[in-house]
PDB file of all heavy atoms in Angstrom:
ATOM      1  N   LEU A   1      25.672   8.717  -1.696  1.00  0.00           N
ATOM      2  CA  LEU A   1      24.278   9.128  -1.925  1.00  0.00           C
ATOM      3  C   LEU A   1      23.383   7.965  -2.377  1.00  0.00           C
ATOM      4  O   LEU A   1      22.262   7.815  -1.865  1.00  0.00           O
ATOM      5  CB  LEU A   1      24.241  10.268  -2.948  1.00  0.00           C
ATOM      6  CG  LEU A   1      22.863  10.912  -3.150  1.00  0.00           C
ATOM      7  CD1 LEU A   1      22.355  11.500  -1.848  1.00  0.00           C
ATOM      8  CD2 LEU A   1      22.948  11.989  -4.235  1.00  0.00           C
ATOM      9  N   PRO A   2      23.833   7.113  -3.310  1.00  0.00           N
ATOM     10  CA  PRO A   2      22.960   5.984  -3.688  1.00  0.00           C
ATOM     11  C   PRO A   2      22.617   5.060  -2.524  1.00  0.00           C
ATOM     12  O   PRO A   2      21.502   4.552  -2.425  1.00  0.00           O
ATOM     13  CB  PRO A   2      23.773   5.258  -4.752  1.00  0.00           C
ATOM     14  CG  PRO A   2      24.678   6.298  -5.303  1.00  0.00           C
ATOM     15  CD  PRO A   2      25.027   7.161  -4.138  1.00  0.00           C
ATOM     16  N   LYS A   3      23.608   4.841  -1.607  1.00  0.00           N
ATOM     17  CA  LYS A   3      23.340   3.977  -0.459  1.00  0.00           C
ATOM     18  C   LYS A   3      22.263   4.569   0.453  1.00  0.00           C
ATOM     19  O   LYS A   3      21.361   3.876   0.917  1.00  0.00           O
ATOM     20  CB  LYS A   3      24.632   3.749   0.318  1.00  0.00           C
ATOM     21  CG  LYS A   3      25.702   3.023  -0.492  1.00  0.00           C
ATOM     22  CD  LYS A   3      26.968   2.842   0.337  1.00  0.00           C
ATOM     23  CE  LYS A   3      28.044   2.128  -0.457  1.00  0.00           C
ATOM     24  NZ  LYS A   3      29.294   1.933   0.314  1.00  0.00           N
ATOM     25  N   ILE A   4      22.370   5.863   0.716  1.00  0.00           N
ATOM     26  CA  ILE A   4      21.414   6.506   1.630  1.00  0.00           C
ATOM     27  C   ILE A   4      20.059   6.683   0.961  1.00  0.00           C
ATOM     28  O   ILE A   4      19.026   6.286   1.471  1.00  0.00           O
ATOM     29  CB  ILE A   4      21.982   7.858   2.087  1.00  0.00           C
ATOM     30  CG1 ILE A   4      23.295   7.629   2.847  1.00  0.00           C
ATOM     31  CG2 ILE A   4      20.963   8.579   2.956  1.00  0.00           C
ATOM     32  CD1 ILE A   4      24.018   8.929   3.220  1.00  0.00           C
ATOM     33  N   VAL A   5      20.137   7.265  -0.237  1.00  0.00           N
ATOM     34  CA  VAL A   5      18.890   7.593  -0.923  1.00  0.00           C
ATOM     35  C   VAL A   5      18.162   6.326  -1.367  1.00  0.00           C
ATOM     36  O   VAL A   5      16.955   6.181  -1.191  1.00  0.00           O
ATOM     37  CB  VAL A   5      19.166   8.512  -2.119  1.00  0.00           C
ATOM     38  CG1 VAL A   5      17.898   8.735  -2.924  1.00  0.00           C
ATOM     39  CG2 VAL A   5      19.714   9.843  -1.618  1.00  0.00           C
ATOM     40  N   ASN A   6      18.893   5.377  -1.919  1.00  0.00           N
ATOM     41  CA  ASN A   6      18.259   4.151  -2.402  1.00  0.00           C
ATOM     42  C   ASN A   6      17.587   3.372  -1.276  1.00  0.00           C
ATOM     43  O   ASN A   6      16.494   2.822  -1.428  1.00  0.00           O
ATOM     44  CB  ASN A   6      19.287   3.275  -3.110  1.00  0.00           C
ATOM     45  CG  ASN A   6      19.695   3.856  -4.452  1.00  0.00           C
ATOM     46  OD1 ASN A   6      19.015   4.743  -4.976  1.00  0.00           O
ATOM     47  ND2 ASN A   6      20.787   3.376  -4.997  1.00  0.00           N
ATOM     48  N   GLY A   7      18.208   3.281  -0.078  1.00  0.00           N
ATOM     49  CA  GLY A   7      17.599   2.584   1.069  1.00  0.00           C
ATOM     50  C   GLY A   7      16.324   3.259   1.513  1.00  0.00           C
ATOM     51  O   GLY A   7      15.293   2.606   1.734  1.00  0.00           O
ATOM     52  N   ASP A   8      16.369   4.583   1.657  1.00  0.00           N
ATOM     53  CA  ASP A   8      15.164   5.305   2.089  1.00  0.00           C
ATOM     54  C   ASP A   8      14.065   5.208   1.041  1.00  0.00           C
ATOM     55  O   ASP A   8      12.895   4.996   1.372  1.00  0.00           O
ATOM     56  CB  ASP A   8      15.525   6.772   2.343  1.00  0.00           C
ATOM     57  CG  ASP A   8      16.454   6.921   3.560  1.00  0.00           C
ATOM     58  OD1 ASP A   8      16.504   5.955   4.372  1.00  0.00           O
ATOM     59  OD2 ASP A   8      17.098   7.972   3.688  1.00  0.00           O
ATOM     60  N   ILE A   9      14.476   5.395  -0.217  1.00  0.00           N
ATOM     61  CA  ILE A   9      13.463   5.342  -1.265  1.00  0.00           C
ATOM     62  C   ILE A   9      12.857   3.946  -1.373  1.00  0.00           C
ATOM     63  O   ILE A   9      11.641   3.780  -1.537  1.00  0.00           O
ATOM     64  CB  ILE A   9      14.081   5.769  -2.607  1.00  0.00           C
ATOM     65  CG1 ILE A   9      14.430   7.262  -2.560  1.00  0.00           C
ATOM     66  CG2 ILE A   9      13.123   5.485  -3.764  1.00  0.00           C
ATOM     67  CD1 ILE A   9      15.143   7.755  -3.801  1.00  0.00           C
ATOM     68  N   LEU A  10      13.720   2.915  -1.253  1.00  0.00           N
ATOM     69  CA  LEU A  10      13.219   1.539  -1.331  1.00  0.00           C
ATOM     70  C   LEU A  10      12.239   1.244  -0.197  1.00  0.00           C
ATOM     71  O   LEU A  10      11.166   0.669  -0.421  1.00  0.00           O
ATOM     72  CB  LEU A  10      14.409   0.564  -1.279  1.00  0.00           C
ATOM     73  CG  LEU A  10      14.041  -0.915  -1.376  1.00  0.00           C
ATOM     74  CD1 LEU A  10      13.332  -1.206  -2.691  1.00  0.00           C
ATOM     75  CD2 LEU A  10      15.308  -1.782  -1.235  1.00  0.00           C
ATOM     76  N   GLY A  11      12.629   1.672   1.026  1.00  0.00           N
ATOM     77  CA  GLY A  11      11.718   1.480   2.158  1.00  0.00           C
ATOM     78  C   GLY A  11      10.428   2.240   1.964  1.00  0.00           C
ATOM     79  O   GLY A  11       9.331   1.737   2.268  1.00  0.00           O
ATOM     80  N   THR A  12      10.576   3.470   1.440  1.00  0.00           N
ATOM     81  CA  THR A  12       9.382   4.288   1.224  1.00  0.00           C
ATOM     82  C   THR A  12       8.489   3.662   0.168  1.00  0.00           C
ATOM     83  O   THR A  12       7.254   3.596   0.323  1.00  0.00           O
ATOM     84  CB  THR A  12       9.790   5.702   0.791  1.00  0.00           C
ATOM     85  OG1 THR A  12      10.611   6.293   1.802  1.00  0.00           O
ATOM     86  CG2 THR A  12       8.558   6.566   0.582  1.00  0.00           C
ATOM     87  N   PHE A  13       9.115   3.180  -0.923  1.00  0.00           N
ATOM     88  CA  PHE A  13       8.331   2.534  -1.974  1.00  0.00           C
ATOM     89  C   PHE A  13       7.661   1.253  -1.471  1.00  0.00           C
ATOM     90  O   PHE A  13       6.520   0.946  -1.823  1.00  0.00           O
ATOM     91  CB  PHE A  13       9.221   2.235  -3.187  1.00  0.00           C
ATOM     92  CG  PHE A  13       9.322   3.386  -4.141  1.00  0.00           C
ATOM     93  CD1 PHE A  13      10.504   4.120  -4.264  1.00  0.00           C
ATOM     94  CD2 PHE A  13       8.232   3.754  -4.929  1.00  0.00           C
ATOM     95  CE1 PHE A  13      10.597   5.180  -5.144  1.00  0.00           C
ATOM     96  CE2 PHE A  13       8.325   4.825  -5.812  1.00  0.00           C
ATOM     97  CZ  PHE A  13       9.513   5.550  -5.922  1.00  0.00           C
ATOM     98  N   GLN A  14       8.409   0.489  -0.654  1.00  0.00           N
ATOM     99  CA  GLN A  14       7.818  -0.720  -0.095  1.00  0.00           C
ATOM    100  C   GLN A  14       6.627  -0.385   0.799  1.00  0.00           C
ATOM    101  O   GLN A  14       5.583  -1.047   0.745  1.00  0.00           O
ATOM    102  CB  GLN A  14       8.875  -1.494   0.699  1.00  0.00           C
ATOM    103  CG  GLN A  14       9.945  -2.133  -0.184  1.00  0.00           C
ATOM    104  CD  GLN A  14      11.013  -2.829   0.634  1.00  0.00           C
ATOM    105  OE1 GLN A  14      11.095  -2.651   1.852  1.00  0.00           O
ATOM    106  NE2 GLN A  14      11.863  -3.601  -0.041  1.00  0.00           N
ATOM    107  N   LYS A  15       6.826   0.653   1.643  1.00  0.00           N
ATOM    108  CA  LYS A  15       5.704   1.080   2.483  1.00  0.00           C
ATOM    109  C   LYS A  15       4.541   1.563   1.630  1.00  0.00           C
ATOM    110  O   LYS A  15       3.375   1.288   1.920  1.00  0.00           O
ATOM    111  CB  LYS A  15       6.159   2.182   3.428  1.00  0.00           C
ATOM    112  CG  LYS A  15       7.123   1.702   4.503  1.00  0.00           C
ATOM    113  CD  LYS A  15       7.534   2.856   5.399  1.00  0.00           C
ATOM    114  CE  LYS A  15       8.509   2.390   6.481  1.00  0.00           C
ATOM    115  NZ  LYS A  15       8.934   3.495   7.365  1.00  0.00           N
ATOM    116  N   LEU A  16       4.880   2.281   0.572  1.00  0.00           N
ATOM    117  CA  LEU A  16       3.842   2.794  -0.309  1.00  0.00           C
ATOM    118  C   LEU A  16       3.102   1.646  -0.997  1.00  0.00           C
ATOM    119  O   LEU A  16       1.860   1.660  -1.097  1.00  0.00           O
ATOM    120  CB  LEU A  16       4.464   3.724  -1.355  1.00  0.00           C
ATOM    121  CG  LEU A  16       3.468   4.380  -2.326  1.00  0.00           C
ATOM    122  CD1 LEU A  16       2.456   5.232  -1.587  1.00  0.00           C
ATOM    123  CD2 LEU A  16       4.235   5.230  -3.347  1.00  0.00           C
ATOM    124  N   ASP A  17       3.877   0.649  -1.438  1.00  0.00           N
ATOM    125  CA  ASP A  17       3.235  -0.517  -2.052  1.00  0.00           C
ATOM    126  C   ASP A  17       2.320  -1.238  -1.060  1.00  0.00           C
ATOM    127  O   ASP A  17       1.213  -1.668  -1.404  1.00  0.00           O
ATOM    128  CB  ASP A  17       4.300  -1.489  -2.576  1.00  0.00           C
ATOM    129  CG  ASP A  17       5.037  -0.928  -3.791  1.00  0.00           C
ATOM    130  OD1 ASP A  17       4.461  -0.027  -4.446  1.00  0.00           O
ATOM    131  OD2 ASP A  17       6.141  -1.400  -4.076  1.00  0.00           O
ATOM    132  N   ALA A  18       2.831  -1.372   0.185  1.00  0.00           N
ATOM    133  CA  ALA A  18       2.013  -2.041   1.204  1.00  0.00           C
ATOM    134  C   ALA A  18       0.741  -1.246   1.489  1.00  0.00           C
ATOM    135  O   ALA A  18      -0.346  -1.811   1.623  1.00  0.00           O
ATOM    136  CB  ALA A  18       2.821  -2.235   2.487  1.00  0.00           C
ATOM    137  N   ILE A  19       0.910   0.070   1.581  1.00  0.00           N
ATOM    138  CA  ILE A  19      -0.261   0.929   1.834  1.00  0.00           C
ATOM    139  C   ILE A  19      -1.251   0.833   0.685  1.00  0.00           C
ATOM    140  O   ILE A  19      -2.462   0.732   0.900  1.00  0.00           O
ATOM    141  CB  ILE A  19       0.198   2.384   2.061  1.00  0.00           C
ATOM    142  CG1 ILE A  19       0.969   2.493   3.377  1.00  0.00           C
ATOM    143  CG2 ILE A  19      -1.010   3.321   2.074  1.00  0.00           C
ATOM    144  CD1 ILE A  19       1.614   3.838   3.610  1.00  0.00           C
ATOM    145  N   GLU A  20      -0.712   0.869  -0.546  1.00  0.00           N
ATOM    146  CA  GLU A  20      -1.592   0.759  -1.709  1.00  0.00           C
ATOM    147  C   GLU A  20      -2.301  -0.597  -1.741  1.00  0.00           C
ATOM    148  O   GLU A  20      -3.493  -0.681  -2.060  1.00  0.00           O
ATOM    149  CB  GLU A  20      -0.785   0.974  -2.988  1.00  0.00           C
ATOM    150  CG  GLU A  20      -0.330   2.413  -3.185  1.00  0.00           C
ATOM    151  CD  GLU A  20       0.487   2.575  -4.457  1.00  0.00           C
ATOM    152  OE1 GLU A  20       0.866   1.527  -5.038  1.00  0.00           O
ATOM    153  OE2 GLU A  20       0.746   3.721  -4.865  1.00  0.00           O
ATOM    154  N   SER A  21      -1.527  -1.675  -1.379  1.00  0.00           N
ATOM    155  CA  SER A  21      -2.138  -3.009  -1.343  1.00  0.00           C
ATOM    156  C   SER A  21      -3.236  -3.090  -0.289  1.00  0.00           C
ATOM    157  O   SER A  21      -4.330  -3.612  -0.530  1.00  0.00           O
ATOM    158  CB  SER A  21      -1.054  -4.056  -1.073  1.00  0.00           C
ATOM    159  OG  SER A  21      -1.622  -5.335  -0.981  1.00  0.00           O
ATOM    160  N   ASN A  22      -2.929  -2.531   0.923  1.00  0.00           N
ATOM    161  CA  ASN A  22      -3.936  -2.508   1.982  1.00  0.00           C
ATOM    162  C   ASN A  22      -5.136  -1.669   1.588  1.00  0.00           C
ATOM    163  O   ASN A  22      -6.290  -2.009   1.898  1.00  0.00           O
ATOM    164  CB  ASN A  22      -3.322  -1.975   3.278  1.00  0.00           C
ATOM    165  CG  ASN A  22      -2.321  -2.936   3.890  1.00  0.00           C
ATOM    166  OD1 ASN A  22      -2.422  -4.152   3.676  1.00  0.00           O
ATOM    167  ND2 ASN A  22      -1.357  -2.419   4.634  1.00  0.00           N
ATOM    168  N   LEU A  23      -4.832  -0.587   0.897  1.00  0.00           N
ATOM    169  CA  LEU A  23      -5.933   0.281   0.466  1.00  0.00           C
ATOM    170  C   LEU A  23      -6.831  -0.444  -0.535  1.00  0.00           C
ATOM    171  O   LEU A  23      -8.065  -0.345  -0.455  1.00  0.00           O
ATOM    172  CB  LEU A  23      -5.351   1.556  -0.157  1.00  0.00           C
ATOM    173  CG  LEU A  23      -6.383   2.595  -0.612  1.00  0.00           C
ATOM    174  CD1 LEU A  23      -7.230   3.065   0.556  1.00  0.00           C
ATOM    175  CD2 LEU A  23      -5.674   3.779  -1.273  1.00  0.00           C
ATOM    176  N   GLU A  24      -6.209  -1.178  -1.438  1.00  0.00           N
ATOM    177  CA  GLU A  24      -7.006  -1.941  -2.399  1.00  0.00           C
ATOM    178  C   GLU A  24      -7.844  -3.007  -1.696  1.00  0.00           C
ATOM    179  O   GLU A  24      -9.009  -3.220  -2.031  1.00  0.00           O
ATOM    180  CB  GLU A  24      -6.075  -2.588  -3.432  1.00  0.00           C
ATOM    181  CG  GLU A  24      -5.415  -1.583  -4.372  1.00  0.00           C
ATOM    182  CD  GLU A  24      -4.462  -2.265  -5.336  1.00  0.00           C
ATOM    183  OE1 GLU A  24      -4.281  -3.501  -5.205  1.00  0.00           O
ATOM    184  OE2 GLU A  24      -3.899  -1.572  -6.211  1.00  0.00           O
ATOM    185  N   LYS A  25      -7.212  -3.694  -0.706  1.00  0.00           N
ATOM    186  CA  LYS A  25      -7.966  -4.705   0.039  1.00  0.00           C
ATOM    187  C   LYS A  25      -9.135  -4.077   0.791  1.00  0.00           C
ATOM    188  O   LYS A  25     -10.235  -4.628   0.818  1.00  0.00           O
ATOM    189  CB  LYS A  25      -7.041  -5.429   1.016  1.00  0.00           C
ATOM    190  CG  LYS A  25      -6.017  -6.331   0.339  1.00  0.00           C
ATOM    191  CD  LYS A  25      -5.146  -7.029   1.376  1.00  0.00           C
ATOM    192  CE  LYS A  25      -4.120  -7.935   0.705  1.00  0.00           C
ATOM    193  NZ  LYS A  25      -3.262  -8.628   1.708  1.00  0.00           N
ATOM    194  N   LYS A  26      -8.862  -2.923   1.413  1.00  0.00           N
ATOM    195  CA  LYS A  26      -9.929  -2.236   2.146  1.00  0.00           C
ATOM    196  C   LYS A  26     -11.055  -1.814   1.201  1.00  0.00           C
ATOM    197  O   LYS A  26     -12.238  -1.937   1.536  1.00  0.00           O
ATOM    198  CB  LYS A  26      -9.362  -1.016   2.869  1.00  0.00           C
ATOM    199  CG  LYS A  26      -8.377  -1.339   3.987  1.00  0.00           C
ATOM    200  CD  LYS A  26      -9.053  -2.127   5.096  1.00  0.00           C
ATOM    201  CE  LYS A  26      -8.067  -2.435   6.234  1.00  0.00           C
ATOM    202  NZ  LYS A  26      -8.707  -3.251   7.293  1.00  0.00           N
ATOM    203  N   GLU A  27     -10.660  -1.343   0.048  1.00  0.00           N
ATOM    204  CA  GLU A  27     -11.676  -0.958  -0.926  1.00  0.00           C
ATOM    205  C   GLU A  27     -12.496  -2.174  -1.371  1.00  0.00           C
ATOM    206  O   GLU A  27     -13.725  -2.092  -1.519  1.00  0.00           O
ATOM    207  CB  GLU A  27     -11.013  -0.294  -2.136  1.00  0.00           C
ATOM    208  CG  GLU A  27     -10.454   1.093  -1.819  1.00  0.00           C
ATOM    209  CD  GLU A  27      -9.747   1.690  -3.024  1.00  0.00           C
ATOM    210  OE1 GLU A  27      -9.542   0.940  -4.001  1.00  0.00           O
ATOM    211  OE2 GLU A  27      -9.407   2.892  -2.983  1.00  0.00           O
ATOM    212  N   GLU A  28     -11.771  -3.327  -1.571  1.00  0.00           N
ATOM    213  CA  GLU A  28     -12.497  -4.543  -1.935  1.00  0.00           C
ATOM    214  C   GLU A  28     -13.415  -4.982  -0.809  1.00  0.00           C
ATOM    215  O   GLU A  28     -14.564  -5.415  -1.039  1.00  0.00           O
ATOM    216  CB  GLU A  28     -11.493  -5.657  -2.273  1.00  0.00           C
ATOM    217  CG  GLU A  28     -10.704  -5.393  -3.550  1.00  0.00           C
ATOM    218  CD  GLU A  28      -9.675  -6.476  -3.800  1.00  0.00           C
ATOM    219  OE1 GLU A  28      -9.541  -7.377  -2.937  1.00  0.00           O
ATOM    220  OE2 GLU A  28      -9.001  -6.435  -4.856  1.00  0.00           O
ATOM    221  N   GLU A  29     -12.906  -4.892   0.439  1.00  0.00           N
ATOM    222  CA  GLU A  29     -13.732  -5.274   1.586  1.00  0.00           C
ATOM    223  C   GLU A  29     -14.944  -4.355   1.717  1.00  0.00           C
ATOM    224  O   GLU A  29     -16.061  -4.808   1.995  1.00  0.00           O
ATOM    225  CB  GLU A  29     -12.900  -5.238   2.871  1.00  0.00           C
ATOM    226  CG  GLU A  29     -11.833  -6.321   2.934  1.00  0.00           C
ATOM    227  CD  GLU A  29     -10.967  -6.190   4.176  1.00  0.00           C
ATOM    228  OE1 GLU A  29     -11.201  -5.228   4.946  1.00  0.00           O
ATOM    229  OE2 GLU A  29     -10.072  -7.029   4.384  1.00  0.00           O
ATOM    230  N   ILE A  30     -14.677  -3.064   1.512  1.00  0.00           N
ATOM    231  CA  ILE A  30     -15.788  -2.103   1.581  1.00  0.00           C
ATOM    232  C   ILE A  30     -16.811  -2.402   0.496  1.00  0.00           C
ATOM    233  O   ILE A  30     -18.027  -2.366   0.736  1.00  0.00           O
ATOM    234  CB  ILE A  30     -15.255  -0.661   1.478  1.00  0.00           C
ATOM    235  CG1 ILE A  30     -14.450  -0.301   2.733  1.00  0.00           C
ATOM    236  CG2 ILE A  30     -16.410   0.317   1.284  1.00  0.00           C
ATOM    237  CD1 ILE A  30     -13.748   1.037   2.650  1.00  0.00           C
ATOM    238  N   GLU A  31     -16.334  -2.711  -0.696  1.00  0.00           N
ATOM    239  CA  GLU A  31     -17.251  -3.034  -1.777  1.00  0.00           C
ATOM    240  C   GLU A  31     -18.036  -4.310  -1.480  1.00  0.00           C
ATOM    241  O   GLU A  31     -19.244  -4.395  -1.736  1.00  0.00           O
ATOM    242  CB  GLU A  31     -16.453  -3.207  -3.081  1.00  0.00           C
ATOM    243  CG  GLU A  31     -17.294  -3.506  -4.303  1.00  0.00           C
ATOM    244  CD  GLU A  31     -18.247  -2.386  -4.663  1.00  0.00           C
ATOM    245  OE1 GLU A  31     -18.002  -1.244  -4.230  1.00  0.00           O
ATOM    246  OE2 GLU A  31     -19.233  -2.665  -5.382  1.00  0.00           O
ATOM    247  N   GLN A  32     -17.305  -5.307  -0.910  1.00  0.00           N
ATOM    248  CA  GLN A  32     -17.988  -6.551  -0.548  1.00  0.00           C
ATOM    249  C   GLN A  32     -19.031  -6.305   0.545  1.00  0.00           C
ATOM    250  O   GLN A  32     -20.143  -6.842   0.488  1.00  0.00           O
ATOM    251  CB  GLN A  32     -16.952  -7.586  -0.085  1.00  0.00           C
ATOM    252  CG  GLN A  32     -17.536  -8.950   0.228  1.00  0.00           C
ATOM    253  CD  GLN A  32     -18.167  -9.602  -0.986  1.00  0.00           C
ATOM    254  OE1 GLN A  32     -17.604  -9.545  -2.070  1.00  0.00           O
ATOM    255  NE2 GLN A  32     -19.318 -10.237  -0.795  1.00  0.00           N
ATOM    256  N   LEU A  33     -18.631  -5.483   1.518  1.00  0.00           N
ATOM    257  CA  LEU A  33     -19.580  -5.139   2.588  1.00  0.00           C
ATOM    258  C   LEU A  33     -20.775  -4.378   2.025  1.00  0.00           C
ATOM    259  O   LEU A  33     -21.914  -4.588   2.476  1.00  0.00           O
ATOM    260  CB  LEU A  33     -18.877  -4.304   3.665  1.00  0.00           C
ATOM    261  CG  LEU A  33     -17.854  -5.046   4.531  1.00  0.00           C
ATOM    262  CD1 LEU A  33     -17.148  -4.064   5.457  1.00  0.00           C
ATOM    263  CD2 LEU A  33     -18.528  -6.142   5.345  1.00  0.00           C
ATOM    264  N   ARG A  34     -20.520  -3.506   1.079  1.00  0.00           N
ATOM    265  CA  ARG A  34     -21.618  -2.767   0.462  1.00  0.00           C
ATOM    266  C   ARG A  34     -22.554  -3.725  -0.278  1.00  0.00           C
ATOM    267  O   ARG A  34     -23.787  -3.619  -0.181  1.00  0.00           O
ATOM    268  CB  ARG A  34     -21.068  -1.721  -0.502  1.00  0.00           C
ATOM    269  CG  ARG A  34     -22.131  -0.783  -1.062  1.00  0.00           C
ATOM    270  CD  ARG A  34     -21.545   0.112  -2.130  1.00  0.00           C
ATOM    271  NE  ARG A  34     -21.130  -0.657  -3.277  1.00  0.00           N
ATOM    272  CZ  ARG A  34     -21.970  -1.128  -4.215  1.00  0.00           C
ATOM    273  NH1 ARG A  34     -23.275  -0.903  -4.110  1.00  0.00           N
ATOM    274  NH2 ARG A  34     -21.500  -1.811  -5.232  1.00  0.00           N
ATOM    275  N   MET A  35     -21.946  -4.678  -1.000  1.00  0.00           N
ATOM    276  CA  MET A  35     -22.771  -5.650  -1.708  1.00  0.00           C
ATOM    277  C   MET A  35     -23.550  -6.527  -0.730  1.00  0.00           C
ATOM    278  O   MET A  35     -24.737  -6.826  -0.939  1.00  0.00           O
ATOM    279  CB  MET A  35     -21.887  -6.516  -2.611  1.00  0.00           C
ATOM    280  CG  MET A  35     -21.233  -5.745  -3.761  1.00  0.00           C
ATOM    281  SD  MET A  35     -20.088  -6.775  -4.713  1.00  0.00           S
ATOM    282  CE  MET A  35     -21.213  -8.009  -5.358  1.00  0.00           C
ATOM    283  N   ASP A  36     -22.848  -6.942   0.365  1.00  0.00           N
ATOM    284  CA  ASP A  36     -23.540  -7.740   1.388  1.00  0.00           C
ATOM    285  C   ASP A  36     -24.680  -6.942   2.010  1.00  0.00           C
ATOM    286  O   ASP A  36     -25.759  -7.496   2.287  1.00  0.00           O
ATOM    287  CB  ASP A  36     -22.561  -8.187   2.469  1.00  0.00           C
ATOM    288  CG  ASP A  36     -21.546  -9.190   1.946  1.00  0.00           C
ATOM    289  OD1 ASP A  36     -21.799  -9.784   0.873  1.00  0.00           O
ATOM    290  OD2 ASP A  36     -20.497  -9.379   2.604  1.00  0.00           O
ATOM    291  N   CYS A  37     -24.401  -5.685   2.253  1.00  0.00           N
ATOM    292  CA  CYS A  37     -25.428  -4.820   2.841  1.00  0.00           C
ATOM    293  C   CYS A  37     -26.642  -4.722   1.916  1.00  0.00           C
ATOM    294  O   CYS A  37     -27.790  -4.820   2.375  1.00  0.00           O
ATOM    295  CB  CYS A  37     -24.838  -3.444   3.119  1.00  0.00           C
ATOM    296  SG  CYS A  37     -25.997  -2.307   3.922  1.00  0.00           S
TER     297      CYS A  37
END
């Protein structure tokens, strides 16, 4: 169970971290675009 669950959870967490990082960048870009606008 640790091998199966830990791999899926790790991949999911990594994807989640990447999504959160991209989301933060997008929010920063949106904010920058708003300020530029």
